Amino acid sequence: MIFDVKGIPATRRERIETAVAAGGKQAAESYEAWITVDSYSGAVRVLITGPLGFERTCQFPLDAEAYEITERVRATLED
């Protein structure tokens, strides 16, 4: 479930939200994601939280392809 998206241009927002959600579809537990643009680096940062205090962050360039975003989120959840 994606809770918030900040600082991402509308033309890229839906693509990024969809890719992040796809990365979490295989998870057995329910996770929450907050997506924002890091004002210093310009990269997109995703904070993922879940059960038992799970909290991880992944980053990727604003112009990353959807499959790259999905794989980063998936890898972050597997850590």
Protein backbone atom coordinates (compact mmCIF):
# COMPACT_ATOMS: atom_id res chain seq x y z
CA MET A 1 0.00 0.00 0.00
CA ILE A 2 1.40 3.39 -0.97
CA PHE A 3 0.57 6.08 1.55
CA ASP A 4 2.17 9.23 0.22
CA VAL A 5 4.00 10.58 -2.81
CA LYS A 6 5.76 13.94 -2.63
CA GLY A 7 7.88 15.94 -5.03
CA ILE A 8 7.45 13.68 -8.05
CA PRO A 9 6.20 15.27 -11.28
CA ALA A 10 2.71 14.12 -12.24
CA THR A 11 4.01 12.77 -15.54
CA ARG A 12 6.18 10.21 -13.67
CA ARG A 13 4.15 9.63 -10.53
CA GLU A 14 1.83 6.89 -11.81
CA ARG A 15 4.70 4.90 -13.37
CA ILE A 16 6.73 5.03 -10.15
CA GLU A 17 3.75 4.18 -7.91
CA THR A 18 2.85 1.21 -10.11
CA ALA A 19 6.44 -0.09 -10.14
CA VAL A 20 6.78 0.22 -6.35
CA ALA A 21 3.47 -1.60 -5.82
CA ALA A 22 4.57 -4.35 -8.22
CA GLY A 23 7.77 -4.82 -6.23
CA GLY A 24 5.75 -5.57 -3.11
CA LYS A 25 3.15 -7.91 -4.62
CA GLN A 26 5.13 -11.07 -3.81
CA ALA A 27 5.49 -10.17 -0.12
CA ALA A 28 3.72 -12.45 2.33
CA GLU A 29 3.13 -9.61 4.81
CA SER A 30 1.49 -6.21 4.36
CA TYR A 31 3.92 -3.33 3.82
CA GLU A 32 3.48 0.44 3.51
CA ALA A 33 5.49 2.76 1.28
CA TRP A 34 6.16 6.48 1.30
CA ILE A 35 7.71 7.87 -1.88
CA THR A 36 9.55 11.19 -2.07
CA VAL A 37 12.28 12.97 -4.00
CA ASP A 38 15.50 13.56 -2.09
CA SER A 39 16.03 17.33 -2.41
CA TYR A 40 19.83 16.98 -2.25
CA SER A 41 20.49 14.24 -4.78
CA GLY A 42 17.33 14.44 -6.90
CA ALA A 43 16.86 10.68 -6.52
CA VAL A 44 13.58 9.06 -5.58
CA ARG A 45 13.57 7.57 -2.10
CA VAL A 46 11.08 4.93 -0.95
CA LEU A 47 10.62 4.25 2.75
CA ILE A 48 9.07 0.82 3.28
CA THR A 49 7.64 -0.15 6.66
CA GLY A 50 6.02 -3.35 7.81
CA PRO A 51 5.34 -5.75 10.64
CA LEU A 52 7.65 -6.22 13.62
CA GLY A 53 9.39 -2.88 13.14
CA PHE A 54 10.49 -3.54 9.55
CA GLU A 55 11.83 -0.33 8.03
CA ARG A 56 13.98 -0.10 4.89
CA THR A 57 14.81 2.57 2.36
CA CYS A 58 15.72 2.21 -1.29
CA GLN A 59 16.69 4.87 -3.81
CA PHE A 60 16.73 5.12 -7.58
CA PRO A 61 17.06 7.86 -10.21
CA LEU A 62 13.90 9.76 -11.13
CA ASP A 63 14.23 8.50 -14.70
CA ALA A 64 14.73 4.82 -13.76
CA GLU A 65 12.81 2.26 -15.80
CA ALA A 66 9.82 0.58 -14.16
CA TYR A 67 11.50 -2.85 -14.08
CA GLU A 68 14.52 -1.35 -12.26
CA ILE A 69 12.27 0.22 -9.64
CA THR A 70 10.35 -3.03 -9.15
CA GLU A 71 13.56 -5.02 -8.72
CA ARG A 72 15.01 -2.55 -6.19
CA VAL A 73 11.85 -2.64 -4.10
CA ARG A 74 11.72 -6.44 -4.31
CA ALA A 75 15.38 -6.72 -3.26
CA THR A 76 14.81 -4.30 -0.38
CA LEU A 77 11.93 -6.39 0.93
CA GLU A 78 14.05 -9.55 0.75
CA ASP A 79 16.84 -8.07 2.92
